[in-house]
Amino acid sequence: MRAIVSVLGQDRIGIIAKVCTTLAENQVNVLDLSQTILQNYFTMVMLVETEQCPLPFETLQQRMEDAGREVGVKIKLQSEDIFNAMHKI
């Protein structure tokens, strides 16, 4: 399954490292990403593949939220289908 990871918060050292390390530790592959800093606000959106992840999706979501709290940002993981349904015009 493909999923969307969104990250938002004050810019600081280690955000990308924490997000990518947490994904890699859980066998999640990054397919594409976009990242920018807007006046000291870090924003990143990633498209990931969760097929190899041994965890239930809800557990992976919780791990990503926990990783975000560790570095002071908000991380949200959603299935691609739900993300697309929520953002249709």
Protein backbone atom coordinates (compact mmCIF):
# COMPACT_ATOMS: atom_id res chain seq x y z
CA MET A 1 0.00 0.00 0.00
CA ARG A 2 1.15 3.52 -0.71
CA ALA A 3 0.75 6.23 1.90
CA ILE A 4 1.34 9.94 2.41
CA VAL A 5 3.53 11.23 5.23
CA SER A 6 3.16 14.92 6.09
CA VAL A 7 5.51 16.73 8.45
CA LEU A 8 5.05 20.26 9.81
CA GLY A 9 6.73 22.25 12.55
CA GLN A 10 9.43 24.69 13.55
CA ASP A 11 12.63 24.01 11.61
CA ARG A 12 15.41 22.32 13.60
CA ILE A 13 18.28 19.95 13.08
CA GLY A 14 17.40 16.28 12.73
CA ILE A 15 13.83 16.31 11.40
CA ILE A 16 14.58 14.59 8.09
CA ALA A 17 16.94 12.15 9.79
CA LYS A 18 14.32 11.16 12.36
CA VAL A 19 11.53 10.73 9.80
CA CYS A 20 13.65 8.70 7.38
CA THR A 21 15.22 6.59 10.13
CA THR A 22 11.82 5.71 11.56
CA LEU A 23 10.53 4.77 8.10
CA ALA A 24 13.61 2.65 7.33
CA GLU A 25 13.47 0.87 10.69
CA ASN A 26 9.94 -0.21 9.79
CA GLN A 27 10.76 -1.32 6.23
CA VAL A 28 8.94 1.60 4.58
CA ASN A 29 10.36 2.80 1.26
CA VAL A 30 10.33 6.49 0.27
CA LEU A 31 9.08 6.85 -3.32
CA ASP A 32 8.98 10.64 -3.63
CA LEU A 33 9.18 13.72 -1.43
CA SER A 34 8.88 17.46 -1.40
CA GLN A 35 10.37 19.57 1.38
CA THR A 36 10.72 23.26 2.03
CA ILE A 37 11.21 25.78 4.80
CA LEU A 38 8.77 28.69 4.94
CA GLN A 39 10.00 31.42 7.30
CA ASN A 40 11.38 28.93 9.82
CA TYR A 41 8.51 26.45 9.37
CA PHE A 42 9.61 23.06 8.08
CA THR A 43 7.17 21.32 5.73
CA MET A 44 7.58 17.97 4.00
CA VAL A 45 5.26 15.62 2.14
CA MET A 46 6.39 12.11 1.23
CA LEU A 47 4.89 9.33 -0.86
CA VAL A 48 5.91 6.00 0.70
CA GLU A 49 5.39 2.28 0.07
CA THR A 50 4.36 0.30 3.16
CA GLU A 51 4.09 -3.16 1.57
CA GLN A 52 7.19 -4.55 3.35
CA CYS A 53 6.29 -3.06 6.76
CA PRO A 54 5.61 -5.89 9.23
CA LEU A 55 3.44 -3.69 11.47
CA PRO A 56 -0.28 -3.02 11.26
CA PHE A 57 -0.86 0.37 9.61
CA GLU A 58 -2.26 1.87 12.83
CA THR A 59 0.90 0.90 14.72
CA LEU A 60 3.06 2.52 12.05
CA GLN A 61 0.93 5.67 12.28
CA GLN A 62 1.55 5.78 16.03
CA ARG A 63 5.29 5.27 15.61
CA MET A 64 5.45 8.15 13.15
CA GLU A 65 3.47 10.41 15.52
CA ASP A 66 5.82 9.42 18.36
CA ALA A 67 8.88 10.18 16.19
CA GLY A 68 7.43 13.60 15.44
CA ARG A 69 6.97 14.38 19.12
CA GLU A 70 10.62 13.46 19.74
CA VAL A 71 11.81 16.18 17.35
CA GLY A 72 9.02 18.68 17.99
CA VAL A 73 7.02 18.37 14.77
CA LYS A 74 3.63 16.97 13.75
CA ILE A 75 3.83 13.85 11.57
CA LYS A 76 0.72 12.39 9.97
CA LEU A 77 0.62 9.12 7.99
CA GLN A 78 -2.43 8.44 5.80
CA SER A 79 -3.17 5.85 3.17
CA GLU A 80 -2.90 7.34 -0.30
CA ASP A 81 -6.55 6.50 -1.05
CA ILE A 82 -7.82 8.31 2.05
CA PHE A 83 -5.52 11.27 1.39
CA ASN A 84 -6.80 11.56 -2.19
CA ALA A 85 -10.44 11.25 -1.13
CA MET A 86 -9.99 14.00 1.49
CA HIS A 87 -8.35 16.40 -0.97
CA LYS A 88 -10.67 16.13 -3.96
CA ILE A 89 -12.18 19.40 -5.06
